[in-house]
Amino acid sequence: MLRWWGFWRLPQTTASDRVATEKHSRKVVRVRWLWSFGILVVLAVPVPAFAVTWVLILTFLSFVLLDETA
């Protein structure tokens, strides 16, 4: 193992343990589907202002869906 490997790893916490759960995996799949659908919508509506707004909305929704602080 490389000597610097531990430097790049974050400390093990309860928050980092949550991302290894089945519930979080399902959320990640939902976010992937959301982005797949969102990209199709952006491609269907060729307006740059709409694309920027839509990507910002998708980013916000992704953070809301993946939030594990509750």
C-alpha atoms as a PDB file:
ATOM      1  CA  MET A   1       0.000   0.000   0.000  1.00  0.00           C
ATOM      2  CA  LEU A   2       1.248   3.444  -0.832  1.00  0.00           C
ATOM      3  CA  ARG A   3       2.359   5.562   2.098  1.00  0.00           C
ATOM      4  CA  TRP A   4       0.259   8.600   1.081  1.00  0.00           C
ATOM      5  CA  TRP A   5      -2.947   6.590   0.622  1.00  0.00           C
ATOM      6  CA  GLY A   6      -4.193   7.308   4.147  1.00  0.00           C
ATOM      7  CA  PHE A   7      -3.681  11.025   3.620  1.00  0.00           C
ATOM      8  CA  TRP A   8      -6.345  11.195   0.911  1.00  0.00           C
ATOM      9  CA  ARG A   9      -8.932   9.197   2.825  1.00  0.00           C
ATOM     10  CA  LEU A  10     -11.408  10.941   5.062  1.00  0.00           C
ATOM     11  CA  PRO A  11     -11.811   9.710   8.630  1.00  0.00           C
ATOM     12  CA  GLN A  12     -14.384   6.974   9.147  1.00  0.00           C
ATOM     13  CA  THR A  13     -17.574   8.504  10.598  1.00  0.00           C
ATOM     14  CA  THR A  14     -21.243   7.577  10.843  1.00  0.00           C
ATOM     15  CA  ALA A  15     -21.940   9.873   7.878  1.00  0.00           C
ATOM     16  CA  SER A  16     -19.404   8.069   5.710  1.00  0.00           C
ATOM     17  CA  ASP A  17     -20.862   4.714   6.774  1.00  0.00           C
ATOM     18  CA  ARG A  18     -24.308   5.764   5.522  1.00  0.00           C
ATOM     19  CA  VAL A  19     -23.206   5.865   1.898  1.00  0.00           C
ATOM     20  CA  ALA A  20     -22.552   2.120   1.988  1.00  0.00           C
ATOM     21  CA  THR A  21     -26.188   1.286   2.802  1.00  0.00           C
ATOM     22  CA  GLU A  22     -28.810  -0.133   0.457  1.00  0.00           C
ATOM     23  CA  LYS A  23     -31.037   2.893   1.042  1.00  0.00           C
ATOM     24  CA  HIS A  24     -28.330   5.243  -0.230  1.00  0.00           C
ATOM     25  CA  SER A  25     -27.704   2.996  -3.241  1.00  0.00           C
ATOM     26  CA  ARG A  26     -31.390   3.265  -4.180  1.00  0.00           C
ATOM     27  CA  LYS A  27     -31.176   7.045  -3.869  1.00  0.00           C
ATOM     28  CA  VAL A  28     -28.157   7.124  -6.177  1.00  0.00           C
ATOM     29  CA  VAL A  29     -30.089   5.107  -8.768  1.00  0.00           C
ATOM     30  CA  ARG A  30     -32.991   7.575  -8.532  1.00  0.00           C
ATOM     31  CA  VAL A  31     -30.627  10.499  -9.059  1.00  0.00           C
ATOM     32  CA  ARG A  32     -29.092   8.788 -12.098  1.00  0.00           C
ATOM     33  CA  TRP A  33     -32.577   8.319 -13.583  1.00  0.00           C
ATOM     34  CA  LEU A  34     -33.409  11.933 -12.766  1.00  0.00           C
ATOM     35  CA  TRP A  35     -30.309  13.173 -14.588  1.00  0.00           C
ATOM     36  CA  SER A  36     -30.913  10.848 -17.544  1.00  0.00           C
ATOM     37  CA  PHE A  37     -34.425  12.238 -17.928  1.00  0.00           C
ATOM     38  CA  GLY A  38     -33.177  15.771 -17.368  1.00  0.00           C
ATOM     39  CA  ILE A  39     -30.532  15.528 -20.080  1.00  0.00           C
ATOM     40  CA  LEU A  40     -33.174  14.303 -22.528  1.00  0.00           C
ATOM     41  CA  VAL A  41     -35.348  17.311 -21.665  1.00  0.00           C
ATOM     42  CA  VAL A  42     -32.405  19.678 -22.188  1.00  0.00           C
ATOM     43  CA  LEU A  43     -31.696  18.098 -25.566  1.00  0.00           C
ATOM     44  CA  ALA A  44     -35.362  18.363 -26.560  1.00  0.00           C
ATOM     45  CA  VAL A  45     -35.572  22.073 -25.706  1.00  0.00           C
ATOM     46  CA  PRO A  46     -32.648  23.826 -27.420  1.00  0.00           C
ATOM     47  CA  VAL A  47     -32.761  27.053 -25.390  1.00  0.00           C
ATOM     48  CA  PRO A  48     -29.534  27.870 -23.487  1.00  0.00           C
ATOM     49  CA  ALA A  49     -31.311  29.754 -20.683  1.00  0.00           C
ATOM     50  CA  PHE A  50     -33.638  26.798 -20.136  1.00  0.00           C
ATOM     51  CA  ALA A  51     -30.688  24.385 -20.106  1.00  0.00           C
ATOM     52  CA  VAL A  52     -28.837  26.369 -17.447  1.00  0.00           C
ATOM     53  CA  THR A  53     -31.957  26.727 -15.298  1.00  0.00           C
ATOM     54  CA  TRP A  54     -32.847  23.058 -15.686  1.00  0.00           C
ATOM     55  CA  VAL A  55     -29.340  21.907 -14.732  1.00  0.00           C
ATOM     56  CA  LEU A  56     -29.443  24.100 -11.630  1.00  0.00           C
ATOM     57  CA  ILE A  57     -32.818  22.625 -10.666  1.00  0.00           C
ATOM     58  CA  LEU A  58     -31.526  19.084 -11.238  1.00  0.00           C
ATOM     59  CA  THR A  59     -28.485  19.824  -9.101  1.00  0.00           C
ATOM     60  CA  PHE A  60     -30.670  21.114  -6.277  1.00  0.00           C
ATOM     61  CA  LEU A  61     -32.966  18.075  -6.491  1.00  0.00           C
ATOM     62  CA  SER A  62     -29.959  15.747  -6.460  1.00  0.00           C
ATOM     63  CA  PHE A  63     -28.677  17.302  -3.260  1.00  0.00           C
ATOM     64  CA  VAL A  64     -32.142  17.111  -1.697  1.00  0.00           C
ATOM     65  CA  LEU A  65     -32.562  13.441  -2.602  1.00  0.00           C
ATOM     66  CA  LEU A  66     -29.070  12.410  -1.454  1.00  0.00           C
ATOM     67  CA  ASP A  67     -29.165  14.381   1.807  1.00  0.00           C
ATOM     68  CA  GLU A  68     -28.375  12.065   4.727  1.00  0.00           C
ATOM     69  CA  THR A  69     -28.340  14.607   7.551  1.00  0.00           C
ATOM     70  CA  ALA A  70     -31.874  13.930   8.809  1.00  0.00           C
END
